[in-house]
Amino acid sequence: MRTLLALTTFAALQTRATACAVCMGSDDATLRNASNSTLWVLLALVGFIFLATAATAIFLWRKALAAPTTSNA
């Protein structure tokens, strides 16, 4: 209940919502280029994590196939 009251109060006190300069299409090329570069770096980081996870899974799979099998016969 307190959370709802806090959210309602916060929403009532807001005069208007404005977007950042990048979203509004400002002529500030420096900010736009910095934001785009940041997004590319984050995308590359996520891609690296996916590739590292896949490489680890393939390594473990190949290692399991090469493991000697034991039989109790």
Protein backbone atom coordinates (compact mmCIF):
# COMPACT_ATOMS: atom_id res chain seq x y z
CA MET A 1 0.00 0.00 0.00
CA ARG A 2 2.85 2.38 0.81
CA THR A 3 4.48 1.59 -2.54
CA LEU A 4 1.27 2.42 -4.39
CA LEU A 5 0.98 5.68 -2.46
CA ALA A 6 4.58 6.57 -3.25
CA LEU A 7 4.12 5.82 -6.95
CA THR A 8 0.90 7.81 -7.11
CA THR A 9 2.53 10.77 -5.39
CA PHE A 10 5.52 10.60 -7.71
CA ALA A 11 3.29 10.43 -10.79
CA ALA A 12 1.16 13.37 -9.58
CA LEU A 13 4.21 15.57 -9.00
CA GLN A 14 5.62 15.06 -12.47
CA THR A 15 4.93 17.97 -14.81
CA ARG A 16 5.95 16.29 -18.05
CA ALA A 17 8.17 13.52 -19.32
CA THR A 18 11.02 14.43 -21.65
CA ALA A 19 13.39 12.21 -23.54
CA CYS A 20 17.14 12.55 -23.63
CA ALA A 21 18.91 14.45 -26.40
CA VAL A 22 19.69 11.25 -28.29
CA CYS A 23 16.04 10.16 -28.43
CA MET A 24 14.81 13.61 -29.38
CA GLY A 25 17.24 13.86 -32.29
CA SER A 26 19.48 16.64 -31.00
CA ASP A 27 22.20 18.00 -33.23
CA ASP A 28 24.79 17.10 -30.60
CA ALA A 29 26.77 14.55 -32.62
CA THR A 30 29.18 13.85 -29.77
CA LEU A 31 26.47 12.56 -27.45
CA ARG A 32 24.86 10.55 -30.24
CA ASN A 33 28.18 8.95 -31.23
CA ALA A 34 29.03 8.17 -27.62
CA SER A 35 25.64 6.51 -27.07
CA ASN A 36 25.97 4.47 -30.25
CA SER A 37 29.49 3.38 -29.33
CA THR A 38 28.31 2.35 -25.88
CA LEU A 39 25.54 0.22 -27.37
CA TRP A 40 27.98 -1.49 -29.75
CA VAL A 41 30.37 -2.26 -26.90
CA LEU A 42 27.56 -3.76 -24.82
CA LEU A 43 26.35 -5.80 -27.81
CA ALA A 44 29.89 -7.09 -28.37
CA LEU A 45 30.15 -8.02 -24.69
CA VAL A 46 26.92 -10.03 -24.84
CA GLY A 47 28.13 -11.73 -28.03
CA PHE A 48 31.43 -12.61 -26.37
CA ILE A 49 29.63 -14.13 -23.41
CA PHE A 50 27.45 -16.24 -25.72
CA LEU A 51 30.49 -17.43 -27.68
CA ALA A 52 32.41 -18.24 -24.50
CA THR A 53 29.47 -20.24 -23.16
CA ALA A 54 29.16 -22.17 -26.43
CA ALA A 55 32.91 -22.84 -26.53
CA THR A 56 32.82 -24.15 -22.97
CA ALA A 57 29.88 -26.43 -23.76
CA ILE A 58 31.62 -27.80 -26.87
CA PHE A 59 34.86 -28.33 -24.92
CA LEU A 60 33.06 -30.27 -22.18
CA TRP A 61 31.08 -32.30 -24.73
CA ARG A 62 34.22 -33.30 -26.64
CA LYS A 63 36.03 -34.09 -23.39
CA ALA A 64 33.14 -36.34 -22.30
CA LEU A 65 33.25 -38.20 -25.61
CA ALA A 66 37.00 -38.79 -25.28
CA ALA A 67 36.80 -40.04 -21.69
CA PRO A 68 37.64 -43.71 -21.26
CA THR A 69 34.68 -45.91 -20.45
CA THR A 70 34.86 -48.50 -17.73
CA SER A 71 32.93 -51.72 -17.69
CA ASN A 72 32.28 -54.13 -14.85
CA ALA A 73 32.19 -57.20 -17.05
